[in-house]
Every structure is written in structure tokens, then in C-alpha cells.
Amino acid sequence: MTASLAALEQAIPAGHAYRALVQAIDAAAHWPAAADLKEARQAFLNFSARVVDWAQVLRRQVEAFRALTLYHCPMAPKPGVWMQRHGPMRNPFFGAEMLECGEEL
């Protein structure tokens, strides 16, 4: 993922609003190995929130991205959001325990 994000960042012109959003995703994508599932979920939460920030902008501005589905889980730590390319919704925060918990944004 690191190489893909670096290539994406370089493909976006300096000063373009997308570049800052991709840099935020890249910064959130560098986390140490998690000691347990709770740590892994916290790292994912930060990363996922940055991806959703960018996806919200893309959905408003680019027709091809309007099909992205954004979800929110009220039970997850805030902001508790994630993106999926298509359904059905699968909550990444609680695994099989609450796989279908959430709502489309």
C-alpha cells in the first residue's frame, strides 16, 4: 500500500486539494504491528477515517466515484466510518460479532 499511495501522491499536482487528502491517508497507513485486535482496530479506524474523508470529496466531484458506499457504525469508536466498493455491508470494527451493524452515510 505504501508504494501505491506514494505513486498516487506523485500523480496529483502539487497544491491540488486531493494531494493533502492522499498525504493524510498515507500518514495513517504507517502503523506498527499491533499487539492485539484492539490496537489493530484503532489503527484501522484512523486509516479508514482518512480514506472516507477523501471518498466523500471524490463522490461529490467525480461521477465515477459516486458508486462508493460509505458506512458508519454507531457502536464503533468515533468516527466509526469505512468505505466499501459494493455491498453487502460488512462492519470491519467488530468482525463476525456484529458484521451487519451500521448504516449507510
Protein backbone atom coordinates (compact mmCIF):
# COMPACT_ATOMS: atom_id res chain seq x y z
CA MET A 1 0.00 0.00 0.00
CA THR A 2 2.87 2.37 0.75
CA ALA A 3 4.17 2.24 -2.83
CA SER A 4 0.67 2.73 -4.26
CA LEU A 5 -0.01 5.75 -2.06
CA ALA A 6 3.37 7.28 -2.95
CA ALA A 7 2.65 6.82 -6.67
CA LEU A 8 -0.81 8.29 -6.26
CA GLU A 9 0.55 11.30 -4.40
CA GLN A 10 3.11 11.93 -7.13
CA ALA A 11 0.41 11.72 -9.81
CA ILE A 12 -1.56 14.55 -8.18
CA PRO A 13 -0.24 18.05 -8.92
CA ALA A 14 1.34 19.95 -6.03
CA GLY A 15 -1.17 22.27 -4.42
CA HIS A 16 -4.20 20.24 -5.53
CA ALA A 17 -6.65 19.54 -2.67
CA TYR A 18 -6.53 15.79 -3.38
CA ARG A 19 -2.82 15.70 -2.61
CA ALA A 20 -3.33 16.72 1.04
CA LEU A 21 -6.06 14.11 1.40
CA VAL A 22 -3.80 11.38 -0.01
CA GLN A 23 -0.96 12.52 2.27
CA ALA A 24 -3.29 12.14 5.26
CA ILE A 25 -4.19 8.62 4.14
CA ASP A 26 -0.51 7.80 3.69
CA ALA A 27 0.36 9.13 7.17
CA ALA A 28 -2.41 6.99 8.69
CA ALA A 29 -1.27 3.91 6.75
CA HIS A 30 2.06 3.67 8.61
CA TRP A 31 1.35 1.93 11.87
CA PRO A 32 3.43 -0.57 13.82
CA ALA A 33 2.41 -4.18 14.15
CA ALA A 34 -0.49 -4.40 16.56
CA ALA A 35 -0.09 -6.29 19.81
CA ASP A 36 -3.74 -7.30 19.79
CA LEU A 37 -7.00 -6.90 17.90
CA LYS A 38 -7.93 -3.74 19.83
CA GLU A 39 -4.72 -2.00 18.67
CA ALA A 40 -5.27 -3.18 15.10
CA ARG A 41 -8.79 -1.82 15.08
CA GLN A 42 -7.61 1.56 16.41
CA ALA A 43 -5.01 1.83 13.63
CA PHE A 44 -7.63 0.85 11.07
CA LEU A 45 -10.06 3.44 12.47
CA ASN A 46 -7.64 6.29 11.79
CA PHE A 47 -6.76 5.00 8.33
CA SER A 48 -10.37 4.34 7.40
CA ALA A 49 -11.47 7.80 8.54
CA ARG A 50 -8.87 9.42 6.24
CA VAL A 51 -9.99 7.24 3.31
CA VAL A 52 -13.61 8.23 3.92
CA ASP A 53 -12.62 11.92 4.04
CA TRP A 54 -11.23 11.59 0.53
CA ALA A 55 -14.06 9.37 -0.70
CA GLN A 56 -16.61 11.98 0.37
CA VAL A 57 -14.85 14.61 -1.73
CA LEU A 58 -14.50 12.26 -4.70
CA ARG A 59 -18.16 11.23 -4.58
CA ARG A 60 -19.22 14.89 -4.80
CA GLN A 61 -16.80 15.81 -7.58
CA VAL A 62 -16.27 12.75 -9.79
CA GLU A 63 -19.11 10.76 -11.33
CA ALA A 64 -17.12 7.50 -11.39
CA PHE A 65 -16.78 7.56 -7.58
CA ARG A 66 -20.46 8.09 -6.77
CA ALA A 67 -20.92 4.33 -6.51
CA LEU A 68 -18.60 4.10 -3.49
CA THR A 69 -20.58 3.27 -0.40
CA LEU A 70 -19.73 4.90 2.90
CA TYR A 71 -20.88 3.45 6.19
CA HIS A 72 -20.99 4.44 9.83
CA CYS A 73 -21.16 2.23 12.92
CA PRO A 74 -22.61 4.00 15.96
CA MET A 75 -21.10 1.32 18.23
CA ALA A 76 -17.52 1.79 16.98
CA PRO A 77 -15.14 4.40 18.37
CA LYS A 78 -15.70 7.76 16.68
CA PRO A 79 -15.84 8.45 13.82
CA GLY A 80 -16.58 4.77 13.11
CA VAL A 81 -16.66 5.10 9.33
CA TRP A 82 -15.49 2.97 6.44
CA MET A 83 -15.85 2.65 2.69
CA GLN A 84 -16.82 -0.30 0.55
CA ARG A 85 -16.88 -0.62 -3.19
CA HIS A 86 -20.11 -2.60 -3.05
CA GLY A 87 -22.37 -4.39 -0.58
CA PRO A 88 -23.48 -6.10 1.37
CA MET A 89 -22.27 -4.01 4.29
CA ARG A 90 -19.59 -5.73 6.35
CA ASN A 91 -18.62 -3.88 9.54
CA PRO A 92 -14.82 -4.05 9.94
CA PHE A 93 -14.83 -2.93 13.57
CA PHE A 94 -16.43 -5.93 15.26
CA GLY A 95 -15.93 -8.80 12.84
CA ALA A 96 -18.38 -11.69 12.96
CA GLU A 97 -19.80 -10.43 16.25
CA MET A 98 -21.57 -7.51 14.57
CA LEU A 99 -20.86 -7.91 10.87
CA GLU A 100 -24.08 -6.20 9.78
CA CYS A 101 -24.12 -3.40 12.36
CA GLY A 102 -24.05 0.04 10.76
CA GLU A 103 -25.77 2.45 8.46
CA GLU A 104 -25.06 3.90 5.05
CA LEU A 105 -23.97 7.54 5.07
